[in-house]
Amino acid sequence: MSSLNRPFPGLTTDGPRQLIPGCEWHISSLGRSYFVNHNTRTTSWKKPAPDRPAGSLTPECIIEGHSRCIWSLACVGTGCNIVSTSDDGSIRQWIRDGEPVGEP
C-alpha cells in the first residue's frame, strides 16, 4: 500500500533549517532537494547562504576618530554618551549618533 504522505527513506519532512528569508526548500519529482530564492529570482541545488553570518550585528552608526583600533567602549551618564579608548592612547567621547563631544 502506498501513501503520498509518506516521506522518502532518509528524508526529513521539516526541511533544511535556517533558510534565509525569501527562500523555499523544494523536492524535485526525482527526489532531489533544490532551493528557490525569491529575492534573486533564482533556483539552486545548493542552499543559499546569508550575506553575513546569522546573528551578526548591524551598526547604527560608525565612530571614526581614533587612528588605531578601539579596544574599549563605555556608556556615560543618563544620555548614554559613549567614551572610547584606543591603542593609540587617545580617549574620546561621543553622543549616541556618533558625533564627537568636544575636541580630541
PDB file of N, CA and C in Angstrom:
ATOM      1  N   MET A   1       0.852  -1.175   0.000  1.00  0.00           N
ATOM      2  CA  MET A   1       0.000   0.000   0.000  1.00  0.00           C
ATOM      3  C   MET A   1       0.897   1.237   0.000  1.00  0.00           C
ATOM      4  N   SER A   2       0.593   2.185  -0.839  1.00  0.00           N
ATOM      5  CA  SER A   2       1.403   3.388  -0.999  1.00  0.00           C
ATOM      6  C   SER A   2       0.647   4.603  -0.483  1.00  0.00           C
ATOM      7  N   SER A   3       1.406   5.543   0.069  1.00  0.00           N
ATOM      8  CA  SER A   3       0.793   6.768   0.569  1.00  0.00           C
ATOM      9  C   SER A   3       1.595   7.964   0.085  1.00  0.00           C
ATOM     10  N   LEU A   4       0.914   9.010  -0.386  1.00  0.00           N
ATOM     11  CA  LEU A   4       1.596  10.218  -0.835  1.00  0.00           C
ATOM     12  C   LEU A   4       2.141  11.026   0.341  1.00  0.00           C
ATOM     13  N   ASN A   5       1.633  10.776   1.554  1.00  0.00           N
ATOM     14  CA  ASN A   5       2.088  11.499   2.723  1.00  0.00           C
ATOM     15  C   ASN A   5       3.341  10.897   3.346  1.00  0.00           C
ATOM     16  N   ARG A   6       3.742   9.712   2.876  1.00  0.00           N
ATOM     17  CA  ARG A   6       4.909   9.053   3.431  1.00  0.00           C
ATOM     18  C   ARG A   6       6.166   9.639   2.790  1.00  0.00           C
ATOM     19  N   PRO A   7       7.123  10.111   3.595  1.00  0.00           N
ATOM     20  CA  PRO A   7       8.343  10.672   3.019  1.00  0.00           C
ATOM     21  C   PRO A   7       9.237   9.596   2.428  1.00  0.00           C
ATOM     22  N   PHE A   8      10.138  10.018   1.557  1.00  0.00           N
ATOM     23  CA  PHE A   8      11.128   9.112   1.002  1.00  0.00           C
ATOM     24  C   PHE A   8      12.027   8.610   2.122  1.00  0.00           C
ATOM     25  N   PRO A   9      12.622   7.425   2.000  1.00  0.00           N
ATOM     26  CA  PRO A   9      13.532   6.939   3.043  1.00  0.00           C
ATOM     27  C   PRO A   9      14.681   7.930   3.256  1.00  0.00           C
ATOM     28  N   GLY A  10      14.963   8.238   4.512  1.00  0.00           N
ATOM     29  CA  GLY A  10      16.058   9.142   4.840  1.00  0.00           C
ATOM     30  C   GLY A  10      15.728  10.611   4.684  1.00  0.00           C
ATOM     31  N   LEU A  11      14.501  10.945   4.333  1.00  0.00           N
ATOM     32  CA  LEU A  11      14.108  12.335   4.098  1.00  0.00           C
ATOM     33  C   LEU A  11      13.419  12.887   5.335  1.00  0.00           C
ATOM     34  N   THR A  12      13.864  14.032   5.793  1.00  0.00           N
ATOM     35  CA  THR A  12      13.168  14.693   6.899  1.00  0.00           C
ATOM     36  C   THR A  12      12.125  15.620   6.305  1.00  0.00           C
ATOM     37  N   THR A  13      10.977  15.692   6.933  1.00  0.00           N
ATOM     38  CA  THR A  13       9.883  16.488   6.376  1.00  0.00           C
ATOM     39  C   THR A  13       9.901  17.939   6.826  1.00  0.00           C
ATOM     40  N   ASP A  14      10.789  18.286   7.773  1.00  0.00           N
ATOM     41  CA  ASP A  14      10.810  19.673   8.228  1.00  0.00           C
ATOM     42  C   ASP A  14      11.705  20.550   7.367  1.00  0.00           C
ATOM     43  N   GLY A  15      12.447  19.985   6.444  1.00  0.00           N
ATOM     44  CA  GLY A  15      13.280  20.764   5.520  1.00  0.00           C
ATOM     45  C   GLY A  15      14.529  21.295   6.181  1.00  0.00           C
ATOM     46  N   PRO A  16      15.429  21.856   5.373  1.00  0.00           N
ATOM     47  CA  PRO A  16      16.657  22.412   5.934  1.00  0.00           C
ATOM     48  C   PRO A  16      16.349  23.570   6.867  1.00  0.00           C
ATOM     49  N   ARG A  17      17.021  23.596   7.960  1.00  0.00           N
ATOM     50  CA  ARG A  17      16.805  24.656   8.948  1.00  0.00           C
ATOM     51  C   ARG A  17      17.578  25.903   8.562  1.00  0.00           C
ATOM     52  N   GLN A  18      17.106  27.029   9.095  1.00  0.00           N
ATOM     53  CA  GLN A  18      17.782  28.308   8.972  1.00  0.00           C
ATOM     54  C   GLN A  18      17.942  28.763   7.518  1.00  0.00           C
ATOM     55  N   LEU A  19      16.878  28.693   6.742  1.00  0.00           N
ATOM     56  CA  LEU A  19      16.911  29.273   5.408  1.00  0.00           C
ATOM     57  C   LEU A  19      16.835  30.788   5.526  1.00  0.00           C
ATOM     58  N   ILE A  20      17.484  31.491   4.620  1.00  0.00           N
ATOM     59  CA  ILE A  20      17.412  32.938   4.653  1.00  0.00           C
ATOM     60  C   ILE A  20      15.998  33.371   4.260  1.00  0.00           C
ATOM     61  N   PRO A  21      15.528  34.515   4.762  1.00  0.00           N
ATOM     62  CA  PRO A  21      14.183  34.980   4.418  1.00  0.00           C
ATOM     63  C   PRO A  21      14.021  35.118   2.910  1.00  0.00           C
ATOM     64  N   GLY A  22      12.869  34.716   2.400  1.00  0.00           N
ATOM     65  CA  GLY A  22      12.594  34.806   0.974  1.00  0.00           C
ATOM     66  C   GLY A  22      12.999  33.566   0.194  1.00  0.00           C
ATOM     67  N   CYS A  23      13.457  32.513   0.885  1.00  0.00           N
ATOM     68  CA  CYS A  23      13.870  31.274   0.218  1.00  0.00           C
ATOM     69  C   CYS A  23      12.963  30.123   0.639  1.00  0.00           C
ATOM     70  N   GLU A  24      12.807  29.182  -0.266  1.00  0.00           N
ATOM     71  CA  GLU A  24      12.000  27.995  -0.003  1.00  0.00           C
ATOM     72  C   GLU A  24      12.784  26.755  -0.396  1.00  0.00           C
ATOM     73  N   TRP A  25      12.507  25.660   0.293  1.00  0.00           N
ATOM     74  CA  TRP A  25      13.104  24.368   0.003  1.00  0.00           C
ATOM     75  C   TRP A  25      12.068  23.502  -0.687  1.00  0.00           C
ATOM     76  N   HIS A  26      12.437  22.866  -1.789  1.00  0.00           N
ATOM     77  CA  HIS A  26      11.526  22.002  -2.534  1.00  0.00           C
ATOM     78  C   HIS A  26      12.216  20.679  -2.836  1.00  0.00           C
ATOM     79  N   ILE A  27      11.412  19.702  -3.228  1.00  0.00           N
ATOM     80  CA  ILE A  27      11.933  18.409  -3.673  1.00  0.00           C
ATOM     81  C   ILE A  27      11.435  18.190  -5.090  1.00  0.00           C
ATOM     82  N   SER A  28      12.371  17.902  -5.995  1.00  0.00           N
ATOM     83  CA  SER A  28      12.001  17.662  -7.396  1.00  0.00           C
ATOM     84  C   SER A  28      11.235  16.347  -7.511  1.00  0.00           C
ATOM     85  N   SER A  29      10.642  16.117  -8.672  1.00  0.00           N
ATOM     86  CA  SER A  29       9.886  14.880  -8.895  1.00  0.00           C
ATOM     87  C   SER A  29      10.785  13.645  -8.813  1.00  0.00           C
ATOM     88  N   LEU A  30      12.105  13.851  -8.959  1.00  0.00           N
ATOM     89  CA  LEU A  30      13.056  12.740  -8.847  1.00  0.00           C
ATOM     90  C   LEU A  30      13.610  12.602  -7.421  1.00  0.00           C
ATOM     91  N   GLY A  31      13.117  13.435  -6.477  1.00  0.00           N
ATOM     92  CA  GLY A  31      13.513  13.324  -5.088  1.00  0.00           C
ATOM     93  C   GLY A  31      14.732  14.136  -4.702  1.00  0.00           C
ATOM     94  N   ARG A  32      15.194  15.016  -5.574  1.00  0.00           N
ATOM     95  CA  ARG A  32      16.380  15.828  -5.274  1.00  0.00           C
ATOM     96  C   ARG A  32      15.955  17.175  -4.681  1.00  0.00           C
ATOM     97  N   SER A  33      16.634  17.583  -3.610  1.00  0.00           N
ATOM     98  CA  SER A  33      16.339  18.868  -2.982  1.00  0.00           C
ATOM     99  C   SER A  33      16.849  20.016  -3.838  1.00  0.00           C
ATOM    100  N   TYR A  34      16.059  21.090  -3.900  1.00  0.00           N
ATOM    101  CA  TYR A  34      16.519  22.323  -4.530  1.00  0.00           C
ATOM    102  C   TYR A  34      15.905  23.502  -3.797  1.00  0.00           C
ATOM    103  N   PHE A  35      16.443  24.675  -4.061  1.00  0.00           N
ATOM    104  CA  PHE A  35      16.048  25.869  -3.331  1.00  0.00           C
ATOM    105  C   PHE A  35      15.584  26.947  -4.300  1.00  0.00           C
ATOM    106  N   VAL A  36      14.530  27.652  -3.918  1.00  0.00           N
ATOM    107  CA  VAL A  36      14.018  28.780  -4.687  1.00  0.00           C
ATOM    108  C   VAL A  36      14.307  30.035  -3.870  1.00  0.00           C
ATOM    109  N   ASN A  37      15.054  30.964  -4.472  1.00  0.00           N
ATOM    110  CA  ASN A  37      15.381  32.229  -3.817  1.00  0.00           C
ATOM    111  C   ASN A  37      14.546  33.313  -4.487  1.00  0.00           C
ATOM    112  N   HIS A  38      13.493  33.752  -3.808  1.00  0.00           N
ATOM    113  CA  HIS A  38      12.603  34.768  -4.375  1.00  0.00           C
ATOM    114  C   HIS A  38      13.250  36.150  -4.376  1.00  0.00           C
ATOM    115  N   ASN A  39      14.283  36.355  -3.538  1.00  0.00           N
ATOM    116  CA  ASN A  39      14.985  37.643  -3.503  1.00  0.00           C
ATOM    117  C   ASN A  39      15.737  37.887  -4.815  1.00  0.00           C
ATOM    118  N   THR A  40      16.404  36.844  -5.305  1.00  0.00           N
ATOM    119  CA  THR A  40      17.207  36.967  -6.526  1.00  0.00           C
ATOM    120  C   THR A  40      16.519  36.341  -7.740  1.00  0.00           C
ATOM    121  N   ARG A  41      15.342  35.753  -7.509  1.00  0.00           N
ATOM    122  CA  ARG A  41      14.578  35.073  -8.569  1.00  0.00           C
ATOM    123  C   ARG A  41      15.407  33.987  -9.250  1.00  0.00           C
ATOM    124  N   THR A  42      16.046  33.154  -8.415  1.00  0.00           N
ATOM    125  CA  THR A  42      16.873  32.063  -8.927  1.00  0.00           C
ATOM    126  C   THR A  42      16.517  30.767  -8.210  1.00  0.00           C
ATOM    127  N   THR A  43      16.931  29.651  -8.820  1.00  0.00           N
ATOM    128  CA  THR A  43      16.851  28.346  -8.176  1.00  0.00           C
ATOM    129  C   THR A  43      18.254  27.772  -8.133  1.00  0.00           C
ATOM    130  N   SER A  44      18.476  26.881  -7.161  1.00  0.00           N
ATOM    131  CA  SER A  44      19.806  26.313  -6.998  1.00  0.00           C
ATOM    132  C   SER A  44      19.713  24.968  -6.301  1.00  0.00           C
ATOM    133  N   TRP A  45      20.669  24.091  -6.611  1.00  0.00           N
ATOM    134  CA  TRP A  45      20.775  22.826  -5.897  1.00  0.00           C
ATOM    135  C   TRP A  45      21.417  23.052  -4.528  1.00  0.00           C
ATOM    136  N   LYS A  46      22.149  24.155  -4.379  1.00  0.00           N
ATOM    137  CA  LYS A  46      22.842  24.456  -3.133  1.00  0.00           C
ATOM    138  C   LYS A  46      21.999  25.395  -2.266  1.00  0.00           C
ATOM    139  N   LYS A  47      22.043  25.171  -0.964  1.00  0.00           N
ATOM    140  CA  LYS A  47      21.312  26.016  -0.019  1.00  0.00           C
ATOM    141  C   LYS A  47      21.888  27.426  -0.045  1.00  0.00           C
ATOM    142  N   PRO A  48      21.049  28.457  -0.209  1.00  0.00           N
ATOM    143  CA  PRO A  48      21.549  29.834  -0.211  1.00  0.00           C
ATOM    144  C   PRO A  48      22.152  30.208   1.142  1.00  0.00           C
ATOM    145  N   ALA A  49      23.258  30.906   1.099  1.00  0.00           N
ATOM    146  CA  ALA A  49      23.927  31.351   2.324  1.00  0.00           C
ATOM    147  C   ALA A  49      23.572  32.814   2.586  1.00  0.00           C
ATOM    148  N   PRO A  50      23.471  33.207   3.852  1.00  0.00           N
ATOM    149  CA  PRO A  50      23.206  34.615   4.157  1.00  0.00           C
ATOM    150  C   PRO A  50      24.382  35.488   3.754  1.00  0.00           C
ATOM    151  N   ASP A  51      24.105  36.775   3.482  1.00  0.00           N
ATOM    152  CA  ASP A  51      25.158  37.713   3.122  1.00  0.00           C
ATOM    153  C   ASP A  51      26.149  37.894   4.262  1.00  0.00           C
ATOM    154  N   ARG A  52      25.666  37.808   5.464  1.00  0.00           N
ATOM    155  CA  ARG A  52      26.535  37.890   6.632  1.00  0.00           C
ATOM    156  C   ARG A  52      26.070  36.829   7.613  1.00  0.00           C
ATOM    157  N   PRO A  53      26.919  36.433   8.535  1.00  0.00           N
ATOM    158  CA  PRO A  53      26.545  35.356   9.456  1.00  0.00           C
ATOM    159  C   PRO A  53      25.292  35.676  10.252  1.00  0.00           C
ATOM    160  N   ALA A  54      24.504  34.660  10.495  1.00  0.00           N
ATOM    161  CA  ALA A  54      23.303  34.832  11.299  1.00  0.00           C
ATOM    162  C   ALA A  54      23.678  35.336  12.678  1.00  0.00           C
ATOM    163  N   GLY A  55      22.912  36.289  13.182  1.00  0.00           N
ATOM    164  CA  GLY A  55      23.172  36.839  14.490  1.00  0.00           C
ATOM    165  C   GLY A  55      24.178  37.968  14.517  1.00  0.00           C
ATOM    166  N   SER A  56      24.754  38.296  13.367  1.00  0.00           N
ATOM    167  CA  SER A  56      25.713  39.407  13.366  1.00  0.00           C
ATOM    168  C   SER A  56      24.957  40.722  13.520  1.00  0.00           C
ATOM    169  N   LEU A  57      25.635  41.706  14.024  1.00  0.00           N
ATOM    170  CA  LEU A  57      25.008  42.980  14.320  1.00  0.00           C
ATOM    171  C   LEU A  57      25.155  43.955  13.158  1.00  0.00           C
ATOM    172  N   THR A  58      24.174  44.806  12.990  1.00  0.00           N
ATOM    173  CA  THR A  58      24.240  45.889  12.023  1.00  0.00           C
ATOM    174  C   THR A  58      24.425  47.182  12.803  1.00  0.00           C
ATOM    175  N   PRO A  59      25.514  47.912  12.554  1.00  0.00           N
ATOM    176  CA  PRO A  59      25.749  49.115  13.357  1.00  0.00           C
ATOM    177  C   PRO A  59      24.740  50.213  13.054  1.00  0.00           C
ATOM    178  N   GLU A  60      24.374  50.972  14.106  1.00  0.00           N
ATOM    179  CA  GLU A  60      23.518  52.141  13.931  1.00  0.00           C
ATOM    180  C   GLU A  60      24.333  53.304  13.386  1.00  0.00           C
ATOM    181  N   CYS A  61      25.588  53.371  13.772  1.00  0.00           N
ATOM    182  CA  CYS A  61      26.479  54.424  13.299  1.00  0.00           C
ATOM    183  C   CYS A  61      27.914  53.920  13.380  1.00  0.00           C
ATOM    184  N   ILE A  62      28.794  54.587  12.674  1.00  0.00           N
ATOM    185  CA  ILE A  62      30.208  54.235  12.686  1.00  0.00           C
ATOM    186  C   ILE A  62      30.963  55.372  13.350  1.00  0.00           C
ATOM    187  N   ILE A  63      31.739  55.032  14.371  1.00  0.00           N
ATOM    188  CA  ILE A  63      32.515  56.027  15.092  1.00  0.00           C
ATOM    189  C   ILE A  63      33.916  56.079  14.491  1.00  0.00           C
ATOM    190  N   GLU A  64      34.285  57.237  13.972  1.00  0.00           N
ATOM    191  CA  GLU A  64      35.619  57.431  13.423  1.00  0.00           C
ATOM    192  C   GLU A  64      36.301  58.548  14.194  1.00  0.00           C
ATOM    193  N   GLY A  65      37.583  58.430  14.421  1.00  0.00           N
ATOM    194  CA  GLY A  65      38.294  59.478  15.129  1.00  0.00           C
ATOM    195  C   GLY A  65      39.570  59.002  15.775  1.00  0.00           C
ATOM    196  N   HIS A  66      39.677  57.715  16.052  1.00  0.00           N
ATOM    197  CA  HIS A  66      40.915  57.160  16.573  1.00  0.00           C
ATOM    198  C   HIS A  66      41.788  56.747  15.385  1.00  0.00           C
ATOM    199  N   SER A  67      43.093  56.803  15.578  1.00  0.00           N
ATOM    200  CA  SER A  67      43.986  56.403  14.494  1.00  0.00           C
ATOM    201  C   SER A  67      44.298  54.911  14.533  1.00  0.00           C
ATOM    202  N   ARG A  68      43.932  54.235  15.631  1.00  0.00           N
ATOM    203  CA  ARG A  68      44.147  52.795  15.743  1.00  0.00           C
ATOM    204  C   ARG A  68      42.874  52.148  16.264  1.00  0.00           C
ATOM    205  N   CYS A  69      42.904  50.851  16.460  1.00  0.00           N
ATOM    206  CA  CYS A  69      41.712  50.097  16.886  1.00  0.00           C
ATOM    207  C   CYS A  69      41.187  50.563  18.236  1.00  0.00           C
ATOM    208  N   ILE A  70      39.843  50.630  18.330  1.00  0.00           N
ATOM    209  CA  ILE A  70      39.186  50.926  19.600  1.00  0.00           C
ATOM    210  C   ILE A  70      39.176  49.637  20.410  1.00  0.00           C
ATOM    211  N   TRP A  71      39.616  49.694  21.651  1.00  0.00           N
ATOM    212  CA  TRP A  71      39.647  48.483  22.462  1.00  0.00           C
ATOM    213  C   TRP A  71      38.723  48.542  23.662  1.00  0.00           C
ATOM    214  N   SER A  72      38.056  49.675  23.876  1.00  0.00           N
ATOM    215  CA  SER A  72      37.131  49.754  24.996  1.00  0.00           C
ATOM    216  C   SER A  72      36.065  50.814  24.731  1.00  0.00           C
ATOM    217  N   LEU A  73      34.816  50.492  25.077  1.00  0.00           N
ATOM    218  CA  LEU A  73      33.685  51.418  24.978  1.00  0.00           C
ATOM    219  C   LEU A  73      32.920  51.385  26.297  1.00  0.00           C
ATOM    220  N   ALA A  74      32.363  52.532  26.693  1.00  0.00           N
ATOM    221  CA  ALA A  74      31.528  52.587  27.892  1.00  0.00           C
ATOM    222  C   ALA A  74      30.475  53.665  27.717  1.00  0.00           C
ATOM    223  N   CYS A  75      29.276  53.423  28.261  1.00  0.00           N
ATOM    224  CA  CYS A  75      28.214  54.441  28.276  1.00  0.00           C
ATOM    225  C   CYS A  75      28.385  55.288  29.527  1.00  0.00           C
ATOM    226  N   VAL A  76      28.217  56.618  29.362  1.00  0.00           N
ATOM    227  CA  VAL A  76      28.421  57.545  30.469  1.00  0.00           C
ATOM    228  C   VAL A  76      27.180  58.407  30.640  1.00  0.00           C
ATOM    229  N   GLY A  77      26.680  58.521  31.859  1.00  0.00           N
ATOM    230  CA  GLY A  77      25.567  59.414  32.159  1.00  0.00           C
ATOM    231  C   GLY A  77      24.233  58.897  31.673  1.00  0.00           C
ATOM    232  N   THR A  78      23.181  59.683  31.974  1.00  0.00           N
ATOM    233  CA  THR A  78      21.827  59.278  31.598  1.00  0.00           C
ATOM    234  C   THR A  78      21.566  59.440  30.112  1.00  0.00           C
ATOM    235  N   GLY A  79      22.325  60.313  29.426  1.00  0.00           N
ATOM    236  CA  GLY A  79      22.163  60.496  27.994  1.00  0.00           C
ATOM    237  C   GLY A  79      22.852  59.419  27.178  1.00  0.00           C
ATOM    238  N   CYS A  80      23.542  58.537  27.869  1.00  0.00           N
ATOM    239  CA  CYS A  80      24.263  57.425  27.255  1.00  0.00           C
ATOM    240  C   CYS A  80      25.288  57.899  26.237  1.00  0.00           C
ATOM    241  N   ASN A  81      26.057  58.929  26.596  1.00  0.00           N
ATOM    242  CA  ASN A  81      27.215  59.269  25.774  1.00  0.00           C
ATOM    243  C   ASN A  81      28.182  58.100  25.817  1.00  0.00           C
ATOM    244  N   ILE A  82      28.998  57.978  24.803  1.00  0.00           N
ATOM    245  CA  ILE A  82      29.922  56.862  24.690  1.00  0.00           C
ATOM    246  C   ILE A  82      31.343  57.384  24.846  1.00  0.00           C
ATOM    247  N   VAL A  83      32.135  56.703  25.676  1.00  0.00           N
ATOM    248  CA  VAL A  83      33.548  57.006  25.818  1.00  0.00           C
ATOM    249  C   VAL A  83      34.315  55.843  25.207  1.00  0.00           C
ATOM    250  N   SER A  84      35.272  56.144  24.339  1.00  0.00           N
ATOM    251  CA  SER A  84      36.077  55.103  23.704  1.00  0.00           C
ATOM    252  C   SER A  84      37.551  55.346  23.963  1.00  0.00           C
ATOM    253  N   THR A  85      38.280  54.250  24.104  1.00  0.00           N
ATOM    254  CA  THR A  85      39.730  54.320  24.232  1.00  0.00           C
ATOM    255  C   THR A  85      40.341  53.472  23.141  1.00  0.00           C
ATOM    256  N   SER A  86      41.561  53.832  22.752  1.00  0.00           N
ATOM    257  CA  SER A  86      42.172  53.189  21.607  1.00  0.00           C
ATOM    258  C   SER A  86      43.610  52.790  21.886  1.00  0.00           C
ATOM    259  N   ASP A  87      44.133  51.926  21.027  1.00  0.00           N
ATOM    260  CA  ASP A  87      45.541  51.529  21.086  1.00  0.00           C
ATOM    261  C   ASP A  87      46.465  52.721  20.854  1.00  0.00           C
ATOM    262  N   ASP A  88      45.940  53.796  20.254  1.00  0.00           N
ATOM    263  CA  ASP A  88      46.793  54.979  20.018  1.00  0.00           C
ATOM    264  C   ASP A  88      46.937  55.842  21.277  1.00  0.00           C
ATOM    265  N   GLY A  89      46.315  55.415  22.401  1.00  0.00           N
ATOM    266  CA  GLY A  89      46.423  56.135  23.657  1.00  0.00           C
ATOM    267  C   GLY A  89      45.395  57.230  23.845  1.00  0.00           C
ATOM    268  N   SER A  90      44.515  57.442  22.879  1.00  0.00           N
ATOM    269  CA  SER A  90      43.527  58.518  22.969  1.00  0.00           C
ATOM    270  C   SER A  90      42.246  58.043  23.642  1.00  0.00           C
ATOM    271  N   ILE A  91      41.554  59.005  24.251  1.00  0.00           N
ATOM    272  CA  ILE A  91      40.240  58.783  24.844  1.00  0.00           C
ATOM    273  C   ILE A  91      39.313  59.810  24.219  1.00  0.00           C
ATOM    274  N   ARG A  92      38.183  59.341  23.682  1.00  0.00           N
ATOM    275  CA  ARG A  92      37.228  60.245  23.024  1.00  0.00           C
ATOM    276  C   ARG A  92      35.851  60.038  23.614  1.00  0.00           C
ATOM    277  N   GLN A  93      35.016  61.090  23.530  1.00  0.00           N
ATOM    278  CA  GLN A  93      33.626  60.990  23.977  1.00  0.00           C
ATOM    279  C   GLN A  93      32.725  61.312  22.798  1.00  0.00           C
ATOM    280  N   TRP A  94      31.613  60.586  22.687  1.00  0.00           N
ATOM    281  CA  TRP A  94      30.693  60.690  21.555  1.00  0.00           C
ATOM    282  C   TRP A  94      29.269  60.732  22.072  1.00  0.00           C
ATOM    283  N   ILE A  95      28.385  61.426  21.331  1.00  0.00           N
ATOM    284  CA  ILE A  95      26.956  61.271  21.608  1.00  0.00           C
ATOM    285  C   ILE A  95      26.498  60.033  20.858  1.00  0.00           C
ATOM    286  N   ARG A  96      25.325  59.560  21.172  1.00  0.00           N
ATOM    287  CA  ARG A  96      24.861  58.270  20.671  1.00  0.00           C
ATOM    288  C   ARG A  96      24.889  58.141  19.150  1.00  0.00           C
ATOM    289  N   ASP A  97      24.663  59.231  18.414  1.00  0.00           N
ATOM    290  CA  ASP A  97      24.620  59.111  16.950  1.00  0.00           C
ATOM    291  C   ASP A  97      25.999  59.152  16.302  1.00  0.00           C
ATOM    292  N   GLY A  98      27.081  59.153  17.102  1.00  0.00           N
ATOM    293  CA  GLY A  98      28.422  59.073  16.561  1.00  0.00           C
ATOM    294  C   GLY A  98      29.148  60.400  16.411  1.00  0.00           C
ATOM    295  N   GLU A  99      28.481  61.491  16.790  1.00  0.00           N
ATOM    296  CA  GLU A  99      29.136  62.809  16.719  1.00  0.00           C
ATOM    297  C   GLU A  99      30.070  62.988  17.927  1.00  0.00           C
ATOM    298  N   PRO A 100      31.300  63.478  17.695  1.00  0.00           N
ATOM    299  CA  PRO A 100      32.226  63.653  18.828  1.00  0.00           C
ATOM    300  C   PRO A 100      31.776  64.799  19.740  1.00  0.00           C
ATOM    301  N   VAL A 101      32.091  64.665  21.021  1.00  0.00           N
ATOM    302  CA  VAL A 101      31.833  65.707  22.021  1.00  0.00           C
ATOM    303  C   VAL A 101      33.164  66.392  22.268  1.00  0.00           C
ATOM    304  N   GLY A 102      33.240  67.682  21.984  1.00  0.00           N
ATOM    305  CA  GLY A 102      34.476  68.432  22.221  1.00  0.00           C
ATOM    306  C   GLY A 102      35.580  68.087  21.227  1.00  0.00           C
ATOM    307  N   GLU A 103      36.740  68.608  21.502  1.00  0.00           N
ATOM    308  CA  GLU A 103      37.907  68.366  20.650  1.00  0.00           C
ATOM    309  C   GLU A 103      38.661  67.139  21.154  1.00  0.00           C
ATOM    310  N   PRO A 104      39.346  66.435  20.242  1.00  0.00           N
ATOM    311  CA  PRO A 104      40.120  65.261  20.661  1.00  0.00           C
ATOM    312  C   PRO A 104      41.270  65.632  21.580  1.00  0.00           C
TER     313      PRO A 104
END
